Amino acid sequence: MTKATRVPGEVKDRVVAAAGVAFETWDEMAAAMDAGYVPTLFGRTEAERRLIVLILAEGYAAWGNNGRNW
């Protein structure tokens, strides 16, 4: 189980949409991460960097460039 931040759901959804990942909403992405999915985000854009920060703040892990863990 992850820790919950005070970020509203609609803000999380906008961050996910802006990053252009394969999920439409934060809830879909969180469900996948709860099941063991670890997203790979390179942090090349501001939107990806914001999503990485959100993922880490929620207690999940993310892979980065060249196997680097965020």
Protein backbone atom coordinates (compact mmCIF):
# COMPACT_ATOMS: atom_id res chain seq x y z
CA MET A 1 0.00 0.00 0.00
CA THR A 2 1.23 3.46 -0.77
CA LYS A 3 1.07 6.66 1.19
CA ALA A 4 -1.44 9.17 -0.10
CA THR A 5 -0.52 12.74 -0.85
CA ARG A 6 -2.89 15.66 -0.66
CA VAL A 7 -2.77 16.15 -4.42
CA PRO A 8 -6.35 16.14 -5.77
CA GLY A 9 -7.28 13.37 -8.19
CA GLU A 10 -7.95 15.73 -11.08
CA VAL A 11 -4.45 17.22 -10.74
CA LYS A 12 -2.94 13.73 -10.78
CA ASP A 13 -4.96 12.93 -13.91
CA ARG A 14 -3.65 16.08 -15.64
CA VAL A 15 -0.05 15.16 -14.77
CA VAL A 16 -0.53 11.67 -16.22
CA ALA A 17 -2.16 13.06 -19.38
CA ALA A 18 0.55 15.70 -19.88
CA ALA A 19 3.33 13.11 -19.61
CA GLY A 20 1.84 11.10 -22.46
CA VAL A 21 2.05 7.70 -20.80
CA ALA A 22 -0.11 4.70 -21.73
CA PHE A 23 -2.63 5.38 -18.96
CA GLU A 24 -5.54 7.79 -19.13
CA THR A 25 -5.92 8.43 -15.40
CA TRP A 26 -3.86 8.29 -12.24
CA ASP A 27 -6.14 5.58 -10.82
CA GLU A 28 -5.38 3.31 -13.80
CA MET A 29 -1.65 3.90 -13.42
CA ALA A 30 -1.74 3.41 -9.64
CA ALA A 31 -3.65 0.14 -10.04
CA ALA A 32 -0.98 -1.12 -12.44
CA MET A 33 1.80 -0.03 -10.06
CA ASP A 34 -0.01 -1.74 -7.16
CA ALA A 35 0.11 -4.92 -9.27
CA GLY A 36 3.88 -4.60 -9.72
CA TYR A 37 4.28 -2.36 -12.77
CA VAL A 38 7.28 -0.01 -12.57
CA PRO A 39 7.11 2.75 -15.20
CA THR A 40 10.17 3.80 -17.16
CA LEU A 41 10.35 7.58 -17.45
CA PHE A 42 13.39 9.36 -18.82
CA GLY A 43 12.58 12.80 -17.40
CA ARG A 44 13.27 14.53 -20.70
CA THR A 45 10.29 16.86 -20.40
CA GLU A 46 8.87 18.91 -17.55
CA ALA A 47 5.70 16.79 -17.68
CA GLU A 48 7.70 13.57 -17.24
CA ARG A 49 9.67 15.09 -14.36
CA ARG A 50 6.44 16.14 -12.64
CA LEU A 51 5.06 12.62 -13.06
CA ILE A 52 8.25 11.14 -11.58
CA VAL A 53 7.92 13.43 -8.56
CA LEU A 54 4.27 12.41 -8.14
CA ILE A 55 5.06 8.70 -8.44
CA LEU A 56 7.80 8.95 -5.83
CA ALA A 57 5.65 11.09 -3.52
CA GLU A 58 2.94 8.43 -3.66
CA GLY A 59 5.45 5.78 -2.58
CA TYR A 60 5.98 4.02 -5.90
CA ALA A 61 9.20 3.39 -7.82
CA ALA A 62 10.12 4.45 -11.36
CA TRP A 63 12.93 3.42 -13.68
CA GLY A 64 14.95 6.04 -15.48
CA ASN A 65 17.48 6.28 -18.26
CA ASN A 66 20.13 3.53 -18.43
CA GLY A 67 18.58 1.59 -15.56
CA ARG A 68 18.81 4.54 -13.17
CA ASN A 69 16.24 4.43 -10.41
CA TRP A 70 14.53 7.68 -9.58
